[in-house]
C-alpha atoms as a PDB file:
ATOM      1  CA  MET A   1     -28.711  -4.500  28.450  1.00  0.00           C
ATOM      2  CA  THR A   2     -27.797  -2.329  25.442  1.00  0.00           C
ATOM      3  CA  ALA A   3     -25.811  -3.985  22.674  1.00  0.00           C
ATOM      4  CA  THR A   4     -22.663  -2.267  21.501  1.00  0.00           C
ATOM      5  CA  PRO A   5     -23.213  -1.046  17.930  1.00  0.00           C
ATOM      6  CA  ALA A   6     -21.080  -2.723  15.300  1.00  0.00           C
ATOM      7  CA  ALA A   7     -18.331  -0.610  13.796  1.00  0.00           C
ATOM      8  CA  MET A   8     -19.142   0.717  10.343  1.00  0.00           C
ATOM      9  CA  PRO A   9     -16.777   0.006   7.439  1.00  0.00           C
ATOM     10  CA  SER A  10     -14.383   2.848   6.747  1.00  0.00           C
ATOM     11  CA  ALA A  11     -11.906   3.769   4.024  1.00  0.00           C
ATOM     12  CA  GLN A  12      -9.678   5.602   6.518  1.00  0.00           C
ATOM     13  CA  GLY A  13      -7.364   2.988   7.964  1.00  0.00           C
ATOM     14  CA  ASP A  14      -4.529   0.587   7.292  1.00  0.00           C
ATOM     15  CA  THR A  15      -5.485  -1.753  10.133  1.00  0.00           C
ATOM     16  CA  GLY A  16      -8.806  -3.272  11.102  1.00  0.00           C
ATOM     17  CA  THR A  17     -10.600  -6.110   9.342  1.00  0.00           C
ATOM     18  CA  LEU A  18      -9.999  -5.857   5.618  1.00  0.00           C
ATOM     19  CA  VAL A  19     -13.347  -5.969   3.807  1.00  0.00           C
ATOM     20  CA  ARG A  20     -12.716  -4.950   0.207  1.00  0.00           C
ATOM     21  CA  VAL A  21      -9.688  -4.377  -2.021  1.00  0.00           C
ATOM     22  CA  LEU A  22      -8.960  -3.347  -5.581  1.00  0.00           C
ATOM     23  CA  MET A  23      -6.369  -5.398  -7.489  1.00  0.00           C
ATOM     24  CA  LYS A  24      -5.122  -5.859 -11.044  1.00  0.00           C
ATOM     25  CA  HIS A  25      -4.333  -9.219 -12.613  1.00  0.00           C
ATOM     26  CA  PRO A  26      -0.915  -9.528 -14.295  1.00  0.00           C
ATOM     27  CA  ARG A  27      -2.594 -10.525 -17.560  1.00  0.00           C
ATOM     28  CA  GLU A  28      -4.052  -6.987 -17.596  1.00  0.00           C
ATOM     29  CA  ALA A  29      -0.949  -5.206 -16.250  1.00  0.00           C
ATOM     30  CA  PHE A  30       1.788  -7.224 -18.002  1.00  0.00           C
ATOM     31  CA  ARG A  31      -0.420  -8.083 -21.035  1.00  0.00           C
ATOM     32  CA  SER A  32       2.098 -10.020 -23.137  1.00  0.00           C
ATOM     33  CA  ALA A  33       5.690 -11.217 -23.355  1.00  0.00           C
ATOM     34  CA  ALA A  34       6.326  -8.467 -25.916  1.00  0.00           C
ATOM     35  CA  ALA A  35       4.990  -5.744 -23.586  1.00  0.00           C
ATOM     36  CA  ILE A  36       7.099  -7.118 -20.744  1.00  0.00           C
ATOM     37  CA  ALA A  37      10.230  -7.134 -22.919  1.00  0.00           C
ATOM     38  CA  ALA A  38       9.588  -3.522 -23.961  1.00  0.00           C
ATOM     39  CA  GLN A  39       9.057  -2.132 -20.458  1.00  0.00           C
ATOM     40  CA  TRP A  40      10.714  -4.073 -17.681  1.00  0.00           C
ATOM     41  CA  ARG A  41      14.117  -2.349 -17.732  1.00  0.00           C
ATOM     42  CA  GLU A  42      12.689   1.156 -18.064  1.00  0.00           C
ATOM     43  CA  LEU A  43      10.282   0.555 -15.198  1.00  0.00           C
ATOM     44  CA  GLY A  44      13.041  -0.701 -12.904  1.00  0.00           C
ATOM     45  CA  PHE A  45      12.088  -4.386 -12.674  1.00  0.00           C
ATOM     46  CA  THR A  46      15.058  -6.531 -11.707  1.00  0.00           C
ATOM     47  CA  ALA A  47      14.192  -9.103 -14.393  1.00  0.00           C
ATOM     48  CA  PRO A  48      11.325  -9.703 -16.849  1.00  0.00           C
ATOM     49  CA  PRO A  49       8.422 -11.409 -15.060  1.00  0.00           C
ATOM     50  CA  ASP A  50       7.126 -14.668 -16.486  1.00  0.00           C
ATOM     51  CA  LEU A  51       3.503 -14.013 -17.442  1.00  0.00           C
ATOM     52  CA  GLY A  52       2.255 -17.550 -16.830  1.00  0.00           C
ATOM     53  CA  ARG A  53       3.882 -17.966 -13.428  1.00  0.00           C
ATOM     54  CA  ALA A  54       2.838 -14.427 -12.465  1.00  0.00           C
ATOM     55  CA  GLY A  55      -0.776 -15.344 -13.217  1.00  0.00           C
ATOM     56  CA  ASP A  56      -0.553 -18.448 -11.073  1.00  0.00           C
ATOM     57  CA  GLU A  57       0.960 -16.511  -8.151  1.00  0.00           C
ATOM     58  CA  PHE A  58      -1.689 -13.824  -8.433  1.00  0.00           C
ATOM     59  CA  ASP A  59      -4.585 -16.308  -8.597  1.00  0.00           C
ATOM     60  CA  GLN A  60      -3.291 -18.011  -5.456  1.00  0.00           C
ATOM     61  CA  LEU A  61      -2.969 -14.637  -3.716  1.00  0.00           C
ATOM     62  CA  VAL A  62      -6.530 -13.668  -4.621  1.00  0.00           C
ATOM     63  CA  GLN A  63      -7.803 -17.025  -3.387  1.00  0.00           C
ATOM     64  CA  LEU A  64      -5.944 -16.532  -0.108  1.00  0.00           C
ATOM     65  CA  LEU A  65      -7.558 -13.117   0.367  1.00  0.00           C
ATOM     66  CA  ARG A  66     -11.024 -14.386  -0.509  1.00  0.00           C
ATOM     67  CA  THR A  67     -10.626 -17.290   1.908  1.00  0.00           C
ATOM     68  CA  ALA A  68      -9.766 -14.687   4.558  1.00  0.00           C
ATOM     69  CA  GLY A  69     -13.130 -13.026   3.866  1.00  0.00           C
ATOM     70  CA  VAL A  70     -11.956 -10.182   1.615  1.00  0.00           C
ATOM     71  CA  THR A  71     -13.955  -9.066  -1.430  1.00  0.00           C
ATOM     72  CA  VAL A  72     -11.572  -8.557  -4.364  1.00  0.00           C
ATOM     73  CA  ASP A  73     -12.525  -6.194  -7.196  1.00  0.00           C
ATOM     74  CA  LEU A  74     -10.340  -6.602 -10.294  1.00  0.00           C
ATOM     75  CA  LEU A  75      -9.414  -3.760 -12.621  1.00  0.00           C
ATOM     76  CA  ALA A  76     -10.383  -4.203 -16.257  1.00  0.00           C
ATOM     77  CA  PRO A  77      -7.839  -4.026 -19.093  1.00  0.00           C
ATOM     78  CA  ASP A  78      -7.020  -0.560 -20.408  1.00  0.00           C
ATOM     79  CA  GLY A  79      -4.640   1.021 -22.890  1.00  0.00           C
ATOM     80  CA  ARG A  80      -3.186   3.649 -20.569  1.00  0.00           C
ATOM     81  CA  THR A  81      -1.000   1.648 -18.198  1.00  0.00           C
ATOM     82  CA  GLY A  82       1.935  -0.751 -18.089  1.00  0.00           C
ATOM     83  CA  LEU A  83       3.653  -3.305 -15.887  1.00  0.00           C
ATOM     84  CA  ASP A  84       3.717  -1.152 -12.751  1.00  0.00           C
ATOM     85  CA  SER A  85      -0.075  -0.834 -12.759  1.00  0.00           C
ATOM     86  CA  ILE A  86      -0.208  -4.188 -10.950  1.00  0.00           C
ATOM     87  CA  TYR A  87       0.856  -2.158  -7.886  1.00  0.00           C
ATOM     88  CA  VAL A  88      -2.550  -0.564  -7.505  1.00  0.00           C
ATOM     89  CA  ARG A  89      -2.002   1.154  -4.148  1.00  0.00           C
ATOM     90  CA  ASP A  90       0.002   3.971  -5.703  1.00  0.00           C
ATOM     91  CA  ALA A  91      -2.664   5.567  -7.915  1.00  0.00           C
ATOM     92  CA  SER A  92      -5.308   6.448  -5.296  1.00  0.00           C
ATOM     93  CA  ILE A  93      -6.030   7.154  -1.639  1.00  0.00           C
ATOM     94  CA  PRO A  94      -9.542   6.280  -0.382  1.00  0.00           C
ATOM     95  CA  THR A  95     -11.253   8.344   2.316  1.00  0.00           C
ATOM     96  CA  ASP A  96     -14.754   8.192   3.758  1.00  0.00           C
ATOM     97  CA  ALA A  97     -15.641  11.269   1.684  1.00  0.00           C
ATOM     98  CA  GLY A  98     -14.362   9.793  -1.585  1.00  0.00           C
ATOM     99  CA  ILE A  99     -11.248   8.792  -3.482  1.00  0.00           C
ATOM    100  CA  VAL A 100      -8.236  11.049  -3.939  1.00  0.00           C
ATOM    101  CA  LEU A 101      -6.634  10.319  -7.315  1.00  0.00           C
ATOM    102  CA  CYS A 102      -2.874  10.643  -7.233  1.00  0.00           C
ATOM    103  CA  GLN A 103      -0.360  12.203  -9.631  1.00  0.00           C
ATOM    104  CA  MET A 104       2.387   9.686 -10.261  1.00  0.00           C
ATOM    105  CA  GLY A 105       6.022  10.524  -9.619  1.00  0.00           C
ATOM    106  CA  LYS A 106       7.101   8.117 -12.364  1.00  0.00           C
ATOM    107  CA  VAL A 107       6.164   9.476 -15.808  1.00  0.00           C
ATOM    108  CA  LEU A 108       5.543   6.017 -17.263  1.00  0.00           C
ATOM    109  CA  ARG A 109       2.784   5.508 -14.672  1.00  0.00           C
ATOM    110  CA  ALA A 110       0.893   8.705 -15.538  1.00  0.00           C
ATOM    111  CA  GLY A 111      -2.179   6.874 -16.895  1.00  0.00           C
ATOM    112  CA  GLU A 112      -2.878   4.818 -13.773  1.00  0.00           C
ATOM    113  CA  PRO A 113      -5.013   7.300 -11.766  1.00  0.00           C
ATOM    114  CA  SER A 114      -7.443   7.941 -14.637  1.00  0.00           C
ATOM    115  CA  ALA A 115      -7.714   4.199 -15.311  1.00  0.00           C
ATOM    116  CA  GLN A 116      -8.548   3.622 -11.653  1.00  0.00           C
ATOM    117  CA  GLN A 117     -11.053   6.472 -11.713  1.00  0.00           C
ATOM    118  CA  ASP A 118     -13.124   4.681 -14.344  1.00  0.00           C
ATOM    119  CA  ALA A 119     -13.132   1.489 -12.295  1.00  0.00           C
ATOM    120  CA  LEU A 120     -13.847   3.170  -8.964  1.00  0.00           C
ATOM    121  CA  GLU A 121     -16.733   5.188 -10.365  1.00  0.00           C
ATOM    122  CA  SER A 122     -18.184   2.019 -11.895  1.00  0.00           C
ATOM    123  CA  LEU A 123     -18.133   0.530  -8.391  1.00  0.00           C
ATOM    124  CA  GLY A 124     -20.148   3.513  -7.139  1.00  0.00           C
ATOM    125  CA  LEU A 125     -17.268   5.151  -5.282  1.00  0.00           C
ATOM    126  CA  PRO A 126     -17.142   8.969  -5.507  1.00  0.00           C
ATOM    127  CA  ILE A 127     -14.023  10.937  -6.404  1.00  0.00           C
ATOM    128  CA  LEU A 128     -13.085  13.535  -3.782  1.00  0.00           C
ATOM    129  CA  GLY A 129     -10.392  15.192  -5.876  1.00  0.00           C
ATOM    130  CA  THR A 130      -7.341  14.787  -8.094  1.00  0.00           C
ATOM    131  CA  ILE A 131      -3.788  15.921  -7.409  1.00  0.00           C
ATOM    132  CA  GLN A 132      -2.734  18.282 -10.186  1.00  0.00           C
ATOM    133  CA  PRO A 133       0.738  19.041 -11.607  1.00  0.00           C
ATOM    134  CA  PRO A 134       3.206  20.231 -10.496  1.00  0.00           C
ATOM    135  CA  GLY A 135       2.031  18.268  -7.481  1.00  0.00           C
ATOM    136  CA  ARG A 136       3.149  14.643  -7.206  1.00  0.00           C
ATOM    137  CA  LEU A 137       1.648  12.104  -4.833  1.00  0.00           C
ATOM    138  CA  GLU A 138       1.754   8.306  -4.746  1.00  0.00           C
ATOM    139  CA  GLY A 139      -0.378   6.103  -2.522  1.00  0.00           C
ATOM    140  CA  GLY A 140       2.626   4.079  -1.384  1.00  0.00           C
ATOM    141  CA  ASP A 141       3.767   7.213   0.450  1.00  0.00           C
ATOM    142  CA  ALA A 142       0.501   7.499   2.424  1.00  0.00           C
ATOM    143  CA  THR A 143      -0.354   5.381   5.448  1.00  0.00           C
ATOM    144  CA  TRP A 144      -3.123   5.856   7.995  1.00  0.00           C
ATOM    145  CA  LEU A 145      -1.872   6.007  11.587  1.00  0.00           C
ATOM    146  CA  ASP A 146      -5.475   6.172  12.757  1.00  0.00           C
ATOM    147  CA  SER A 147      -8.772   7.162  11.172  1.00  0.00           C
ATOM    148  CA  ARG A 148      -7.972  10.878  11.445  1.00  0.00           C
ATOM    149  CA  THR A 149      -4.208  10.913  10.904  1.00  0.00           C
ATOM    150  CA  LEU A 150      -2.512  10.251   7.580  1.00  0.00           C
ATOM    151  CA  ALA A 151       1.292  10.114   7.399  1.00  0.00           C
ATOM    152  CA  VAL A 152       2.704  11.045   3.982  1.00  0.00           C
ATOM    153  CA  GLY A 153       6.290  10.544   2.910  1.00  0.00           C
ATOM    154  CA  GLU A 154       7.957  13.428   1.074  1.00  0.00           C
ATOM    155  CA  GLY A 155      10.601  12.167  -1.328  1.00  0.00           C
ATOM    156  CA  TYR A 156      11.237  11.515  -4.994  1.00  0.00           C
ATOM    157  CA  ARG A 157       7.686  10.226  -5.709  1.00  0.00           C
ATOM    158  CA  THR A 158       5.689  12.679  -3.564  1.00  0.00           C
ATOM    159  CA  ASN A 159       6.540  16.373  -3.396  1.00  0.00           C
ATOM    160  CA  PRO A 160       5.494  19.291  -1.131  1.00  0.00           C
ATOM    161  CA  GLU A 161       2.937  20.587  -3.641  1.00  0.00           C
ATOM    162  CA  GLY A 162       1.255  17.184  -3.832  1.00  0.00           C
ATOM    163  CA  ILE A 163       1.091  17.058  -0.042  1.00  0.00           C
ATOM    164  CA  ARG A 164      -0.284  20.624   0.090  1.00  0.00           C
ATOM    165  CA  GLN A 165      -3.105  19.687  -2.292  1.00  0.00           C
ATOM    166  CA  LEU A 166      -3.862  16.504  -0.335  1.00  0.00           C
ATOM    167  CA  ARG A 167      -3.979  18.451   2.926  1.00  0.00           C
ATOM    168  CA  ALA A 168      -6.434  20.936   1.383  1.00  0.00           C
ATOM    169  CA  LEU A 169      -8.689  18.099   0.220  1.00  0.00           C
ATOM    170  CA  LEU A 170      -8.656  16.342   3.600  1.00  0.00           C
ATOM    171  CA  ALA A 171      -8.812  19.315   5.991  1.00  0.00           C
ATOM    172  CA  PRO A 172     -12.615  19.724   5.630  1.00  0.00           C
ATOM    173  CA  GLN A 173     -12.940  16.078   6.713  1.00  0.00           C
ATOM    174  CA  GLY A 174     -11.000  16.782   9.928  1.00  0.00           C
ATOM    175  CA  ILE A 175      -8.034  14.675   8.785  1.00  0.00           C
ATOM    176  CA  GLU A 176      -4.530  15.671   9.854  1.00  0.00           C
ATOM    177  CA  VAL A 177      -1.744  15.071   7.323  1.00  0.00           C
ATOM    178  CA  ILE A 178       1.723  14.519   8.820  1.00  0.00           C
ATOM    179  CA  THR A 179       4.689  14.979   6.485  1.00  0.00           C
ATOM    180  CA  VAL A 180       7.531  12.473   6.878  1.00  0.00           C
ATOM    181  CA  PRO A 181      10.761  13.388   5.020  1.00  0.00           C
ATOM    182  CA  LEU A 182      12.214  10.374   3.231  1.00  0.00           C
ATOM    183  CA  PRO A 183      15.950   9.656   2.797  1.00  0.00           C
ATOM    184  CA  HIS A 184      17.837   9.752  -0.500  1.00  0.00           C
ATOM    185  CA  TRP A 185      18.872   6.110   0.076  1.00  0.00           C
ATOM    186  CA  ARG A 186      19.619   4.719  -3.407  1.00  0.00           C
ATOM    187  CA  GLY A 187      18.457   7.736  -5.354  1.00  0.00           C
ATOM    188  CA  PRO A 188      15.466   8.818  -7.451  1.00  0.00           C
ATOM    189  CA  GLY A 189      15.530   5.715  -9.651  1.00  0.00           C
ATOM    190  CA  ASP A 190      14.885   3.357  -6.750  1.00  0.00           C
ATOM    191  CA  VAL A 191      11.467   2.525  -5.276  1.00  0.00           C
ATOM    192  CA  LEU A 192      11.359   4.104  -1.819  1.00  0.00           C
ATOM    193  CA  HIS A 193       7.936   4.919  -0.427  1.00  0.00           C
ATOM    194  CA  LEU A 194       7.026   5.583   3.181  1.00  0.00           C
ATOM    195  CA  MET A 195       5.485   2.114   3.171  1.00  0.00           C
ATOM    196  CA  SER A 196       8.883   0.711   2.208  1.00  0.00           C
ATOM    197  CA  LEU A 197       9.842   1.600   5.788  1.00  0.00           C
ATOM    198  CA  LEU A 198       6.664   1.084   7.787  1.00  0.00           C
ATOM    199  CA  SER A 199       3.536  -1.084   7.655  1.00  0.00           C
ATOM    200  CA  PRO A 200       0.855  -0.699  10.353  1.00  0.00           C
ATOM    201  CA  VAL A 201      -0.414  -4.164  11.293  1.00  0.00           C
ATOM    202  CA  ALA A 202      -2.722  -3.375  14.227  1.00  0.00           C
ATOM    203  CA  PRO A 203      -3.741  -0.211  16.081  1.00  0.00           C
ATOM    204  CA  ARG A 204      -0.460   1.416  17.184  1.00  0.00           C
ATOM    205  CA  VAL A 205       1.613  -1.541  16.044  1.00  0.00           C
ATOM    206  CA  ALA A 206       3.829  -1.373  12.956  1.00  0.00           C
ATOM    207  CA  VAL A 207       6.517  -3.392  11.213  1.00  0.00           C
ATOM    208  CA  VAL A 208       9.381  -0.972  10.585  1.00  0.00           C
ATOM    209  CA  TYR A 209      12.910  -0.655   9.251  1.00  0.00           C
ATOM    210  CA  SER A 210      14.289   1.848  11.748  1.00  0.00           C
ATOM    211  CA  PRO A 211      17.661   2.603  10.057  1.00  0.00           C
ATOM    212  CA  LEU A 212      15.817   4.546   7.330  1.00  0.00           C
ATOM    213  CA  LEU A 213      13.051   6.086   9.475  1.00  0.00           C
ATOM    214  CA  PRO A 214      13.542   9.785  10.283  1.00  0.00           C
ATOM    215  CA  ALA A 215      14.562  10.015  13.932  1.00  0.00           C
ATOM    216  CA  THR A 216      11.903  12.612  14.749  1.00  0.00           C
ATOM    217  CA  PHE A 217       9.113  10.507  13.223  1.00  0.00           C
ATOM    218  CA  ARG A 218      10.268   7.331  14.968  1.00  0.00           C
ATOM    219  CA  SER A 219      10.492   9.188  18.294  1.00  0.00           C
ATOM    220  CA  TRP A 220       7.018  10.609  17.752  1.00  0.00           C
ATOM    221  CA  LEU A 221       5.600   7.118  17.135  1.00  0.00           C
ATOM    222  CA  LEU A 222       7.139   5.903  20.388  1.00  0.00           C
ATOM    223  CA  GLU A 223       5.774   8.934  22.240  1.00  0.00           C
ATOM    224  CA  GLN A 224       2.346   7.984  20.893  1.00  0.00           C
ATOM    225  CA  GLN A 225       2.879   4.507  22.394  1.00  0.00           C
ATOM    226  CA  TRP A 226       3.357   2.646  19.138  1.00  0.00           C
ATOM    227  CA  ARG A 227       4.913  -0.787  19.311  1.00  0.00           C
ATOM    228  CA  LEU A 228       7.548  -1.158  16.596  1.00  0.00           C
ATOM    229  CA  ILE A 229       8.358  -4.624  15.248  1.00  0.00           C
ATOM    230  CA  GLU A 230      11.830  -4.271  13.801  1.00  0.00           C
ATOM    231  CA  VAL A 231      12.910  -5.788  10.482  1.00  0.00           C
ATOM    232  CA  ASP A 232      16.501  -6.981  10.267  1.00  0.00           C
ATOM    233  CA  ALA A 233      18.750  -5.409   7.631  1.00  0.00           C
ATOM    234  CA  SER A 234      19.091  -8.814   5.959  1.00  0.00           C
ATOM    235  CA  GLU A 235      15.341  -8.777   5.152  1.00  0.00           C
ATOM    236  CA  TYR A 236      14.843  -5.143   4.150  1.00  0.00           C
ATOM    237  CA  ASP A 237      15.591  -5.656   0.441  1.00  0.00           C
ATOM    238  CA  SER A 238      13.347  -8.734   0.367  1.00  0.00           C
ATOM    239  CA  MET A 239      10.436  -6.545   1.543  1.00  0.00           C
ATOM    240  CA  GLY A 240      10.257  -7.692   5.141  1.00  0.00           C
ATOM    241  CA  THR A 241       8.626  -4.362   6.001  1.00  0.00           C
ATOM    242  CA  ASN A 242       5.868  -4.814   3.412  1.00  0.00           C
ATOM    243  CA  VAL A 243       3.077  -6.467   5.409  1.00  0.00           C
ATOM    244  CA  LEU A 244      -0.668  -6.157   4.811  1.00  0.00           C
ATOM    245  CA  ALA A 245      -2.947  -6.100   7.857  1.00  0.00           C
ATOM    246  CA  LEU A 246      -6.010  -8.345   7.499  1.00  0.00           C
ATOM    247  CA  GLY A 247      -7.433  -7.589  10.956  1.00  0.00           C
ATOM    248  CA  ASP A 248      -7.790  -9.581  14.174  1.00  0.00           C
ATOM    249  CA  ARG A 249      -3.979  -9.865  14.369  1.00  0.00           C
ATOM    250  CA  ARG A 250      -3.748 -11.593  10.999  1.00  0.00           C
ATOM    251  CA  VAL A 251      -1.331 -10.317   8.366  1.00  0.00           C
ATOM    252  CA  LEU A 252      -0.285 -11.156   4.822  1.00  0.00           C
ATOM    253  CA  ALA A 253       3.415 -11.236   3.957  1.00  0.00           C
ATOM    254  CA  LEU A 254       5.691 -12.245   1.100  1.00  0.00           C
ATOM    255  CA  ARG A 255       7.256 -15.645   1.687  1.00  0.00           C
ATOM    256  CA  GLY A 256      11.003 -15.609   2.312  1.00  0.00           C
ATOM    257  CA  ASN A 257      11.524 -13.410   5.389  1.00  0.00           C
ATOM    258  CA  PRO A 258      11.781 -15.875   8.286  1.00  0.00           C
ATOM    259  CA  ALA A 259      13.181 -13.417  10.847  1.00  0.00           C
ATOM    260  CA  THR A 260      10.337 -10.972  10.253  1.00  0.00           C
ATOM    261  CA  ARG A 261       7.819 -13.799  10.435  1.00  0.00           C
ATOM    262  CA  ALA A 262       9.327 -14.959  13.728  1.00  0.00           C
ATOM    263  CA  ALA A 263       9.060 -11.429  15.122  1.00  0.00           C
ATOM    264  CA  LEU A 264       5.410 -11.236  14.076  1.00  0.00           C
ATOM    265  CA  ASP A 265       4.733 -14.682  15.531  1.00  0.00           C
ATOM    266  CA  ALA A 266       6.312 -13.578  18.814  1.00  0.00           C
ATOM    267  CA  ALA A 267       4.089 -10.472  18.831  1.00  0.00           C
ATOM    268  CA  GLY A 268       0.990 -12.662  18.572  1.00  0.00           C
ATOM    269  CA  PHE A 269       0.192 -12.326  14.870  1.00  0.00           C
ATOM    270  CA  GLU A 270      -0.990 -15.053  12.525  1.00  0.00           C
ATOM    271  CA  VAL A 271       1.106 -14.717   9.365  1.00  0.00           C
ATOM    272  CA  LEU A 272      -0.286 -15.797   6.000  1.00  0.00           C
ATOM    273  CA  GLU A 273       2.346 -16.020   3.267  1.00  0.00           C
ATOM    274  CA  TYR A 274       2.201 -16.039  -0.517  1.00  0.00           C
ATOM    275  CA  GLU A 275       4.678 -16.832  -3.269  1.00  0.00           C
ATOM    276  CA  GLY A 276       5.615 -13.690  -5.165  1.00  0.00           C
ATOM    277  CA  ALA A 277       8.771 -14.270  -7.188  1.00  0.00           C
ATOM    278  CA  GLU A 278       7.109 -12.865 -10.318  1.00  0.00           C
ATOM    279  CA  ILE A 279       4.496 -10.419  -9.012  1.00  0.00           C
ATOM    280  CA  SER A 280       6.449  -9.018  -6.064  1.00  0.00           C
ATOM    281  CA  VAL A 281      10.197  -9.646  -6.086  1.00  0.00           C
ATOM    282  CA  LYS A 282      10.975  -8.612  -9.670  1.00  0.00           C
ATOM    283  CA  GLY A 283       8.985  -5.392  -9.411  1.00  0.00           C
ATOM    284  CA  SER A 284       9.807  -4.646  -5.736  1.00  0.00           C
ATOM    285  CA  GLY A 285       6.140  -4.570  -4.741  1.00  0.00           C
ATOM    286  CA  GLY A 286       4.811  -6.547  -1.796  1.00  0.00           C
ATOM    287  CA  PRO A 287       1.260  -7.201  -0.580  1.00  0.00           C
ATOM    288  CA  THR A 288       0.510  -3.591   0.377  1.00  0.00           C
ATOM    289  CA  CYS A 289       1.534  -2.540  -3.144  1.00  0.00           C
ATOM    290  CA  LEU A 290      -0.563  -5.216  -4.886  1.00  0.00           C
ATOM    291  CA  THR A 291      -3.742  -4.221  -3.032  1.00  0.00           C
ATOM    292  CA  ARG A 292      -5.646  -0.963  -2.763  1.00  0.00           C
ATOM    293  CA  PRO A 293      -7.772  -1.388   0.386  1.00  0.00           C
ATOM    294  CA  LEU A 294     -11.163   0.230  -0.130  1.00  0.00           C
ATOM    295  CA  THR A 295     -12.873  -0.540   3.187  1.00  0.00           C
ATOM    296  CA  ARG A 296     -12.040  -1.981   6.581  1.00  0.00           C
ATOM    297  CA  VAL A 297     -13.973  -2.490   9.803  1.00  0.00           C
ATOM    298  CA  PRO A 298     -11.971  -0.499  12.378  1.00  0.00           C
ATOM    299  CA  GLU A 299     -10.567  -2.017  15.536  1.00  0.00           C
ATOM    300  CA  GLY A 300     -10.066  -0.202  18.818  1.00  0.00           C
ATOM    301  CA  ASN A 301      -7.303   2.420  18.997  1.00  0.00           C
ATOM    302  CA  ALA A 302      -5.702   1.166  22.178  1.00  0.00           C
ATOM    303  CA  SER A 303      -2.052   0.218  22.075  1.00  0.00           C
ATOM    304  CA  ALA A 304      -1.606  -3.529  21.448  1.00  0.00           C
END
């Protein structure tokens, strides 16, 4: 009898067993009470985060991930970034051929991709390419639908030129890039990424907020036999859609969205929750924003 070979870790997926992530501690992102006071309004935080409580929340989150079997690499301090750099997903997009460094749509975040480049290269991860101006691309607008299909939201943070450059980088790898037009919603000053509307949690299963999904994209997902777990309007602003897949039908979510948790429970998921009043709520960044997945062990692609 021939044993089935084990799946190899891959950078091309937002589901599967999470193996390794990049994160940044608030003491490195927020730095000091003075830095917080100088930046929080300009960066769109709803209130100044408390540095001590933020550190406690983050340490508990890291411990939760490590207990779940995830290796956590922490970014070192640098002089190029500010409060928003805690949301590490936005500055890069890993692929099996190397890392794509983004070009931030928010000017105050311009230093984040180069800061991540230093860290990623020190970890032995190659750089596939860098999005160049006038292109704009943020990692929160990019989500893997499967290992060969990357959906990218086009909106105020990611523009057509950024998507064109990304497509050119990924085409030699046989990766299809699907453009998803994003709504105006609350305007260019608000945080609206594609992953504000959709989080894959298992192969062909996603938590979604359908009222803001483009009708053609939502219909396409259903045609591809995706199961959509709907978030109620009452839990959209509290980041009910922001759910990190850990693999084996386990997910990580921000505490405080009971209806979304009940829907995930009913769909057969184990939901791990963390407290994020300082690191998530005030900066509008949930668990997918706080983590840059580097590798996962893929699951099967059958509909769940």
